[in-house]
Structures are given as structure tokens and as C-alpha cells.
C-alpha atoms as a PDB file:
ATOM      1  CA  MET A   1     -19.643 -25.183  11.281  1.00  0.00           C
ATOM      2  CA  GLN A   2     -18.727 -23.362   8.098  1.00  0.00           C
ATOM      3  CA  PRO A   3     -15.100 -22.265   7.574  1.00  0.00           C
ATOM      4  CA  ILE A   4     -14.281 -18.578   7.845  1.00  0.00           C
ATOM      5  CA  ALA A   5     -13.596 -16.997   4.451  1.00  0.00           C
ATOM      6  CA  PHE A   6     -10.745 -14.507   4.420  1.00  0.00           C
ATOM      7  CA  GLY A   7     -10.969 -13.464   0.770  1.00  0.00           C
ATOM      8  CA  PRO A   8     -12.662 -10.215  -0.342  1.00  0.00           C
ATOM      9  CA  ARG A   9     -16.456 -10.461  -0.571  1.00  0.00           C
ATOM     10  CA  ILE A  10     -18.354  -9.606  -3.739  1.00  0.00           C
ATOM     11  CA  ILE A  11     -20.463  -6.532  -2.973  1.00  0.00           C
ATOM     12  CA  PHE A  12     -22.437  -6.330  -6.220  1.00  0.00           C
ATOM     13  CA  GLU A  13     -22.190  -7.104  -9.925  1.00  0.00           C
ATOM     14  CA  LEU A  14     -22.158  -4.751 -12.878  1.00  0.00           C
ATOM     15  CA  PRO A  15     -24.744  -5.730 -15.528  1.00  0.00           C
ATOM     16  CA  PHE A  16     -22.196  -6.172 -18.322  1.00  0.00           C
ATOM     17  CA  PHE A  17     -20.786  -9.307 -19.951  1.00  0.00           C
ATOM     18  CA  ASP A  18     -22.970 -11.619 -17.849  1.00  0.00           C
ATOM     19  CA  GLY A  19     -22.102  -9.710 -14.688  1.00  0.00           C
ATOM     20  CA  ILE A  20     -18.793  -8.214 -13.578  1.00  0.00           C
ATOM     21  CA  PRO A  21     -18.216  -8.852  -9.858  1.00  0.00           C
ATOM     22  CA  VAL A  22     -17.188  -5.831  -7.779  1.00  0.00           C
ATOM     23  CA  THR A  23     -15.463  -6.887  -4.574  1.00  0.00           C
ATOM     24  CA  GLU A  24     -15.039  -4.979  -1.324  1.00  0.00           C
ATOM     25  CA  THR A  25     -11.439  -4.383  -2.399  1.00  0.00           C
ATOM     26  CA  VAL A  26     -12.648  -2.260  -5.306  1.00  0.00           C
ATOM     27  CA  VAL A  27     -15.327  -0.485  -3.250  1.00  0.00           C
ATOM     28  CA  ASN A  28     -12.929   0.301  -0.396  1.00  0.00           C
ATOM     29  CA  THR A  29     -10.326   1.561  -2.862  1.00  0.00           C
ATOM     30  CA  TRP A  30     -12.944   3.890  -4.369  1.00  0.00           C
ATOM     31  CA  LEU A  31     -13.743   5.199  -0.889  1.00  0.00           C
ATOM     32  CA  ILE A  32     -10.078   5.908  -0.179  1.00  0.00           C
ATOM     33  CA  MET A  33      -9.655   7.642  -3.531  1.00  0.00           C
ATOM     34  CA  ILE A  34     -12.638   9.860  -2.788  1.00  0.00           C
ATOM     35  CA  VAL A  35     -11.285  10.700   0.669  1.00  0.00           C
ATOM     36  CA  LEU A  36      -7.834  11.570  -0.710  1.00  0.00           C
ATOM     37  CA  VAL A  37      -9.307  13.746  -3.460  1.00  0.00           C
ATOM     38  CA  VAL A  38     -11.536  15.596  -0.999  1.00  0.00           C
ATOM     39  CA  LEU A  39      -8.656  16.086   1.455  1.00  0.00           C
ATOM     40  CA  SER A  40      -6.445  17.353  -1.370  1.00  0.00           C
ATOM     41  CA  ILE A  41      -9.060  19.876  -2.471  1.00  0.00           C
ATOM     42  CA  LEU A  42      -9.785  21.080   1.055  1.00  0.00           C
ATOM     43  CA  GLY A  43      -6.122  21.139   2.033  1.00  0.00           C
ATOM     44  CA  THR A  44      -5.024  23.251  -0.953  1.00  0.00           C
ATOM     45  CA  LYS A  45      -7.984  25.609  -1.074  1.00  0.00           C
ATOM     46  CA  ASN A  46      -7.434  29.337  -0.430  1.00  0.00           C
ATOM     47  CA  PHE A  47      -3.691  29.212   0.175  1.00  0.00           C
ATOM     48  CA  GLU A  48      -2.179  32.342   1.769  1.00  0.00           C
ATOM     49  CA  LYS A  49       1.356  33.760   1.872  1.00  0.00           C
ATOM     50  CA  VAL A  50       1.421  33.312   5.640  1.00  0.00           C
ATOM     51  CA  PRO A  51       0.305  29.717   6.276  1.00  0.00           C
ATOM     52  CA  LYS A  52      -1.987  28.847   9.135  1.00  0.00           C
ATOM     53  CA  GLY A  53      -4.348  26.077  10.182  1.00  0.00           C
ATOM     54  CA  LYS A  54      -4.921  23.433   7.529  1.00  0.00           C
ATOM     55  CA  GLN A  55      -2.394  25.079   5.211  1.00  0.00           C
ATOM     56  CA  ASN A  56       0.318  24.434   7.808  1.00  0.00           C
ATOM     57  CA  VAL A  57      -0.640  20.759   7.956  1.00  0.00           C
ATOM     58  CA  THR A  58      -0.700  20.436   4.173  1.00  0.00           C
ATOM     59  CA  GLU A  59       2.693  22.096   3.742  1.00  0.00           C
ATOM     60  CA  ILE A  60       4.281  20.015   6.501  1.00  0.00           C
ATOM     61  CA  VAL A  61       3.054  16.752   4.964  1.00  0.00           C
ATOM     62  CA  VAL A  62       4.057  17.668   1.407  1.00  0.00           C
ATOM     63  CA  ASP A  63       7.434  19.150   2.395  1.00  0.00           C
ATOM     64  CA  SER A  64       8.298  16.129   4.549  1.00  0.00           C
ATOM     65  CA  LEU A  65       7.469  13.669   1.775  1.00  0.00           C
ATOM     66  CA  ASN A  66       9.301  15.768  -0.814  1.00  0.00           C
ATOM     67  CA  LYS A  67      12.431  15.840   1.376  1.00  0.00           C
ATOM     68  CA  LEU A  68      12.231  12.080   1.867  1.00  0.00           C
ATOM     69  CA  THR A  69      12.137  11.539  -1.899  1.00  0.00           C
ATOM     70  CA  ILE A  70      15.042  13.911  -2.509  1.00  0.00           C
ATOM     71  CA  GLN A  71      17.158  12.387   0.272  1.00  0.00           C
ATOM     72  CA  THR A  72      16.515   8.875  -1.025  1.00  0.00           C
ATOM     73  CA  MET A  73      16.700   9.417  -4.784  1.00  0.00           C
ATOM     74  CA  GLY A  74      18.812  12.551  -5.111  1.00  0.00           C
ATOM     75  CA  GLU A  75      18.122  16.192  -5.968  1.00  0.00           C
ATOM     76  CA  ASP A  76      18.111  15.454  -9.706  1.00  0.00           C
ATOM     77  CA  LYS A  77      15.170  13.080  -9.275  1.00  0.00           C
ATOM     78  CA  LYS A  78      12.864  15.363  -7.283  1.00  0.00           C
ATOM     79  CA  ALA A  79      10.367  15.247 -10.168  1.00  0.00           C
ATOM     80  CA  TYR A  80       9.399  11.790  -8.858  1.00  0.00           C
ATOM     81  CA  ALA A  81       8.197  13.290  -5.557  1.00  0.00           C
ATOM     82  CA  PRO A  82       4.507  13.735  -6.563  1.00  0.00           C
ATOM     83  CA  TYR A  83       4.229  10.081  -7.578  1.00  0.00           C
ATOM     84  CA  MET A  84       6.084   8.779  -4.527  1.00  0.00           C
ATOM     85  CA  ASN A  85       4.036  10.988  -2.199  1.00  0.00           C
ATOM     86  CA  THR A  86       0.796   9.743  -3.729  1.00  0.00           C
ATOM     87  CA  LEU A  87       1.973   6.137  -3.558  1.00  0.00           C
ATOM     88  CA  PHE A  88       2.830   6.398   0.133  1.00  0.00           C
ATOM     89  CA  LEU A  89      -0.405   8.171   1.115  1.00  0.00           C
ATOM     90  CA  LEU A  90      -2.555   5.760  -0.897  1.00  0.00           C
ATOM     91  CA  LEU A  91      -0.900   2.732   0.712  1.00  0.00           C
ATOM     92  CA  LEU A  92      -1.111   4.344   4.153  1.00  0.00           C
ATOM     93  CA  PHE A  93      -4.852   4.974   3.897  1.00  0.00           C
ATOM     94  CA  MET A  94      -5.398   1.474   2.498  1.00  0.00           C
ATOM     95  CA  ASN A  95      -3.502  -0.162   5.355  1.00  0.00           C
ATOM     96  CA  LEU A  96      -5.236   1.921   8.045  1.00  0.00           C
ATOM     97  CA  LEU A  97      -8.711   1.057   6.782  1.00  0.00           C
ATOM     98  CA  GLY A  98      -8.870  -1.881   9.176  1.00  0.00           C
ATOM     99  CA  LEU A  99      -9.284   0.589  12.039  1.00  0.00           C
ATOM    100  CA  LEU A 100     -12.753   1.337  10.667  1.00  0.00           C
ATOM    101  CA  GLY A 101     -13.703  -2.326  10.527  1.00  0.00           C
ATOM    102  CA  LEU A 102     -13.274  -2.468   6.736  1.00  0.00           C
ATOM    103  CA  ARG A 103     -11.032  -4.843   4.812  1.00  0.00           C
ATOM    104  CA  PRO A 104      -7.798  -3.130   3.673  1.00  0.00           C
ATOM    105  CA  PRO A 105      -7.463  -3.269  -0.143  1.00  0.00           C
ATOM    106  CA  THR A 106      -3.834  -4.299   0.367  1.00  0.00           C
ATOM    107  CA  ALA A 107      -5.114  -7.556   1.905  1.00  0.00           C
ATOM    108  CA  ASP A 108      -5.953  -8.508  -1.696  1.00  0.00           C
ATOM    109  CA  LEU A 109      -3.050  -9.786  -3.812  1.00  0.00           C
ATOM    110  CA  ASN A 110      -4.607  -8.184  -6.893  1.00  0.00           C
ATOM    111  CA  THR A 111      -4.029  -4.753  -5.356  1.00  0.00           C
ATOM    112  CA  THR A 112      -0.465  -5.308  -4.204  1.00  0.00           C
ATOM    113  CA  MET A 113       0.546  -7.046  -7.440  1.00  0.00           C
ATOM    114  CA  GLY A 114      -0.966  -4.228  -9.498  1.00  0.00           C
ATOM    115  CA  MET A 115       1.009  -1.624  -7.555  1.00  0.00           C
ATOM    116  CA  ALA A 116       4.174  -3.729  -7.760  1.00  0.00           C
ATOM    117  CA  ILE A 117       3.786  -3.978 -11.539  1.00  0.00           C
ATOM    118  CA  MET A 118       3.486  -0.185 -11.703  1.00  0.00           C
ATOM    119  CA  THR A 119       6.751   0.051  -9.748  1.00  0.00           C
ATOM    120  CA  PHE A 120       8.335  -2.514 -12.092  1.00  0.00           C
ATOM    121  CA  LEU A 121       7.358  -0.481 -15.165  1.00  0.00           C
ATOM    122  CA  LEU A 122       8.538   2.734 -13.539  1.00  0.00           C
ATOM    123  CA  ILE A 123      11.922   1.189 -12.694  1.00  0.00           C
ATOM    124  CA  HIS A 124      12.697   0.020 -16.206  1.00  0.00           C
ATOM    125  CA  GLY A 125      11.015   2.944 -17.928  1.00  0.00           C
ATOM    126  CA  SER A 126      13.137   5.369 -15.915  1.00  0.00           C
ATOM    127  CA  GLY A 127      16.297   3.383 -16.614  1.00  0.00           C
ATOM    128  CA  ILE A 128      15.654   3.379 -20.365  1.00  0.00           C
ATOM    129  CA  TRP A 129      14.784   7.083 -20.315  1.00  0.00           C
ATOM    130  CA  ARG A 130      18.047   7.959 -18.554  1.00  0.00           C
ATOM    131  CA  LYS A 131      20.466   5.566 -20.319  1.00  0.00           C
ATOM    132  CA  GLY A 132      18.764   4.790 -23.592  1.00  0.00           C
ATOM    133  CA  VAL A 133      17.602   1.332 -24.690  1.00  0.00           C
ATOM    134  CA  GLY A 134      21.057   0.012 -25.553  1.00  0.00           C
ATOM    135  CA  GLY A 135      22.803   1.491 -22.543  1.00  0.00           C
ATOM    136  CA  TYR A 136      20.185   0.217 -20.126  1.00  0.00           C
ATOM    137  CA  PHE A 137      19.983  -3.355 -21.348  1.00  0.00           C
ATOM    138  CA  LYS A 138      23.764  -3.502 -21.614  1.00  0.00           C
ATOM    139  CA  GLY A 139      23.753  -3.461 -17.818  1.00  0.00           C
ATOM    140  CA  PHE A 140      22.142  -6.920 -17.788  1.00  0.00           C
ATOM    141  CA  ALA A 141      25.414  -8.350 -19.129  1.00  0.00           C
ATOM    142  CA  GLU A 142      27.428  -7.018 -16.189  1.00  0.00           C
ATOM    143  CA  PRO A 143      29.729  -8.136 -14.698  1.00  0.00           C
ATOM    144  CA  PHE A 144      29.829 -11.073 -17.161  1.00  0.00           C
ATOM    145  CA  ILE A 145      27.667 -11.879 -20.162  1.00  0.00           C
ATOM    146  CA  PHE A 146      26.616 -15.265 -18.752  1.00  0.00           C
ATOM    147  CA  MET A 147      24.944 -13.370 -15.883  1.00  0.00           C
ATOM    148  CA  ILE A 148      22.151 -12.185 -18.212  1.00  0.00           C
ATOM    149  CA  PRO A 149      19.656 -14.959 -17.246  1.00  0.00           C
ATOM    150  CA  LEU A 150      20.295 -14.418 -13.525  1.00  0.00           C
ATOM    151  CA  ASN A 151      19.972 -10.642 -13.848  1.00  0.00           C
ATOM    152  CA  ILE A 152      16.700 -11.005 -15.752  1.00  0.00           C
ATOM    153  CA  MET A 153      15.341 -13.398 -13.124  1.00  0.00           C
ATOM    154  CA  GLY A 154      16.371 -10.960 -10.407  1.00  0.00           C
ATOM    155  CA  GLU A 155      14.462  -8.140 -12.085  1.00  0.00           C
ATOM    156  CA  LEU A 156      11.365 -10.300 -12.581  1.00  0.00           C
ATOM    157  CA  ALA A 157      11.493 -11.222  -8.884  1.00  0.00           C
ATOM    158  CA  THR A 158      11.164  -7.559  -7.865  1.00  0.00           C
ATOM    159  CA  PRO A 159       7.381  -7.157  -8.367  1.00  0.00           C
ATOM    160  CA  ILE A 160       6.771 -10.587  -6.833  1.00  0.00           C
ATOM    161  CA  SER A 161       8.719  -9.800  -3.669  1.00  0.00           C
ATOM    162  CA  LEU A 162       7.204  -6.310  -3.376  1.00  0.00           C
ATOM    163  CA  SER A 163       3.632  -7.531  -3.758  1.00  0.00           C
ATOM    164  CA  PHE A 164       3.883 -10.596  -1.511  1.00  0.00           C
ATOM    165  CA  ARG A 165       5.694  -8.703   1.260  1.00  0.00           C
ATOM    166  CA  LEU A 166       2.940  -6.110   1.502  1.00  0.00           C
ATOM    167  CA  PHE A 167       0.106  -8.587   0.947  1.00  0.00           C
ATOM    168  CA  GLY A 168       1.450 -11.122   3.458  1.00  0.00           C
ATOM    169  CA  ASN A 169       1.846  -8.617   6.270  1.00  0.00           C
ATOM    170  CA  ILE A 170      -1.576  -7.030   5.804  1.00  0.00           C
ATOM    171  CA  VAL A 171      -3.625 -10.174   5.167  1.00  0.00           C
ATOM    172  CA  GLY A 172      -1.857 -11.851   8.104  1.00  0.00           C
ATOM    173  CA  GLY A 173      -3.119  -9.076  10.357  1.00  0.00           C
ATOM    174  CA  VAL A 174      -6.640  -9.409   8.938  1.00  0.00           C
ATOM    175  CA  ILE A 175      -6.651 -13.150   9.656  1.00  0.00           C
ATOM    176  CA  VAL A 176      -5.262 -12.822  13.187  1.00  0.00           C
ATOM    177  CA  ILE A 177      -7.752 -10.089  14.119  1.00  0.00           C
ATOM    178  CA  ALA A 178     -10.687 -12.014  12.611  1.00  0.00           C
ATOM    179  CA  LEU A 179      -9.706 -15.158  14.504  1.00  0.00           C
ATOM    180  CA  SER A 180      -9.309 -13.211  17.745  1.00  0.00           C
ATOM    181  CA  TYR A 181     -12.796 -11.715  17.419  1.00  0.00           C
ATOM    182  CA  GLY A 182     -14.228 -15.155  16.725  1.00  0.00           C
ATOM    183  CA  GLY A 183     -12.419 -16.748  19.649  1.00  0.00           C
ATOM    184  CA  LEU A 184     -13.362 -13.973  22.067  1.00  0.00           C
ATOM    185  CA  THR A 185     -17.000 -14.220  20.994  1.00  0.00           C
ATOM    186  CA  VAL A 186     -17.005 -17.940  21.803  1.00  0.00           C
ATOM    187  CA  LEU A 187     -15.320 -17.218  25.157  1.00  0.00           C
ATOM    188  CA  SER A 188     -17.950 -14.617  26.032  1.00  0.00           C
ATOM    189  CA  GLU A 189     -20.726 -17.089  25.229  1.00  0.00           C
ATOM    190  CA  MET A 190     -19.097 -19.810  27.321  1.00  0.00           C
ATOM    191  CA  ILE A 191     -19.012 -17.681  30.478  1.00  0.00           C
ATOM    192  CA  GLY A 192     -22.417 -16.101  29.893  1.00  0.00           C
ATOM    193  CA  LEU A 193     -21.279 -12.635  28.807  1.00  0.00           C
ATOM    194  CA  SER A 194     -22.587 -12.739  25.233  1.00  0.00           C
ATOM    195  CA  ALA A 195     -24.796  -9.704  25.982  1.00  0.00           C
ATOM    196  CA  PHE A 196     -21.752  -7.770  27.238  1.00  0.00           C
ATOM    197  CA  PRO A 197     -18.906  -8.234  24.725  1.00  0.00           C
ATOM    198  CA  ILE A 198     -16.231  -6.817  27.015  1.00  0.00           C
ATOM    199  CA  PHE A 199     -13.503  -9.087  25.645  1.00  0.00           C
ATOM    200  CA  GLN A 200     -14.186  -8.146  22.014  1.00  0.00           C
ATOM    201  CA  GLY A 201     -14.164  -4.478  22.936  1.00  0.00           C
ATOM    202  CA  ALA A 202     -10.880  -4.426  24.853  1.00  0.00           C
ATOM    203  CA  ILE A 203      -8.408  -7.139  23.871  1.00  0.00           C
ATOM    204  CA  PRO A 204      -8.415  -6.569  20.055  1.00  0.00           C
ATOM    205  CA  VAL A 205      -7.341  -2.943  20.612  1.00  0.00           C
ATOM    206  CA  VAL A 206      -3.750  -4.148  21.042  1.00  0.00           C
ATOM    207  CA  LEU A 207      -3.962  -6.190  17.840  1.00  0.00           C
ATOM    208  CA  HIS A 208      -5.393  -3.250  15.892  1.00  0.00           C
ATOM    209  CA  ALA A 209      -2.640  -0.998  17.229  1.00  0.00           C
ATOM    210  CA  TYR A 210       0.030  -3.374  15.980  1.00  0.00           C
ATOM    211  CA  PHE A 211      -1.375  -4.774  12.744  1.00  0.00           C
ATOM    212  CA  ASP A 212      -3.329  -1.745  11.504  1.00  0.00           C
ATOM    213  CA  ILE A 213      -1.253   1.176  12.766  1.00  0.00           C
ATOM    214  CA  PHE A 214       2.335   0.008  13.332  1.00  0.00           C
ATOM    215  CA  ALA A 215       2.523  -2.631  10.593  1.00  0.00           C
ATOM    216  CA  GLY A 216       0.333  -0.558   8.253  1.00  0.00           C
ATOM    217  CA  VAL A 217       2.524   2.541   8.465  1.00  0.00           C
ATOM    218  CA  LEU A 218       5.718   0.489   8.322  1.00  0.00           C
ATOM    219  CA  GLN A 219       4.696  -1.483   5.237  1.00  0.00           C
ATOM    220  CA  SER A 220       3.587   1.692   3.432  1.00  0.00           C
ATOM    221  CA  PHE A 221       6.968   3.254   4.161  1.00  0.00           C
ATOM    222  CA  ILE A 222       8.891   0.153   3.072  1.00  0.00           C
ATOM    223  CA  PHE A 223       7.017  -0.179  -0.235  1.00  0.00           C
ATOM    224  CA  ALA A 224       7.501   3.501  -1.083  1.00  0.00           C
ATOM    225  CA  MET A 225      11.161   3.465  -0.018  1.00  0.00           C
ATOM    226  CA  LEU A 226      11.947   0.354  -2.059  1.00  0.00           C
ATOM    227  CA  THR A 227      10.261   1.926  -5.078  1.00  0.00           C
ATOM    228  CA  MET A 228      12.427   5.028  -4.728  1.00  0.00           C
ATOM    229  CA  VAL A 229      15.621   3.009  -4.235  1.00  0.00           C
ATOM    230  CA  PHE A 230      14.972   0.679  -7.181  1.00  0.00           C
ATOM    231  CA  VAL A 231      14.130   3.582  -9.523  1.00  0.00           C
ATOM    232  CA  ALA A 232      17.206   5.525  -8.441  1.00  0.00           C
ATOM    233  CA  LEU A 233      19.477   2.500  -8.928  1.00  0.00           C
ATOM    234  CA  ALA A 234      18.055   1.847 -12.400  1.00  0.00           C
ATOM    235  CA  MET A 235      18.963   5.402 -13.392  1.00  0.00           C
ATOM    236  CA  GLU A 236      22.547   5.296 -12.075  1.00  0.00           C
END
């Protein structure tokens, strides 16, 4: 019996540099990007002074996310709202992809680490922009100059903790659901119901509800909120 592989599969290879592998993480991310672009175009097309239908939905979503950014970061940092809104929606769609039977891109450490590095750069870039190079890095010597190594280590730990928190929660759900499907398939075969997969069609619904919906939404919110908090603190 071959072991179950939980890593992203290679879908195809690009014919460059002896073949560049393209995994399902990349393909699924492309699909989500296309969906978000299409929804953005359709949702903002033919806006009217009196909103109705899809315009109401679009305005509710955007206004709610804008208010969340302002409440978390402050009125003076509302310019960050478009980025934070996009970050949250992208993560949300990635995490919910498991409902369609596809592997969430956030179940790949490359994805979560890449997004955490973007947050890391945004944190320090914003701090330098607000305080200046000297003023920002002076903060690493507070409250005492010998705290510089510890403060630097703490900052370097930020992208690691962000990426592993998101990755661990999502990939854990992928593994649990995959194992449950495998175990229920064996159970169905043992009792002679392999032609009627009633267990696989009913029991995993609870797991999908928790890991894909509840945990997916929660982890998207946490990642976006931590990004907003860290950026705001760096600018104070």
C-alpha cells in the first residue's frame, strides 16, 4: 500500500529551463485570481446613484472591509484599506476552495510564506516611510540598547509565525479530511456498500463545515487583522 501524499501535485511543466513544474497551488491560485477579477468587474459595472441588486452587495462588502481597516488602523491609515481588503478576500477564497474538492493554495507553505513576507515588507516599509530611516531603526534600541538583538529576532519571527499559523491550520484540515474520506471508503467496502458511498457523502460534511468554512474564514480574518495591527504599530 502506497503512502498518501499530502503535498501539492505537479499539474504540468513549462517548456523552459529543462521544464518548470507548475503545481496545483499555482493553478488554483490562478483560478481564484480570475474569479476575483471577474467578480470585481461585474460588481462595479454600471453603478447608479441609487444602489440596487449587485451594487448593494458590492457596496456592503467594500464599506464593511473599509470600516474594519479604519477601526483597526486608524482614520489616518485608511489608504491601506484597498490592500487589506484584497488580502482578506484573496485568503478567504483560497481557504474556501476545499469546498469544491480542490486543494487550497494556503495548504502550501510557499503561498503562506510569500504572503507573510509581503506583510513583513509592508510593516517595515510603512514604519520607515512614517518615521524616516533613523527614527524607525532607533526604535530597535528601546528600551535599552542591548535589546537590539532580541528586537531584531522578534521582527524576523513575524513572517514565520504568520505563515506557519495559516499553513498549519489549513493543511491540517486537508489531511484530516483526506484521511476521513480514505477511512470511510474502506469502511464502505468492508460492509459491502462500496457501490453506495453513503458514509463519504454525509459524514465529511461536518468536517468541511469546520475546516473549510469556520477555520477558513477565521484564519483569513486573523491574518488580515494581524497585518493591520503590525503595520499600525510600526507607524506609531
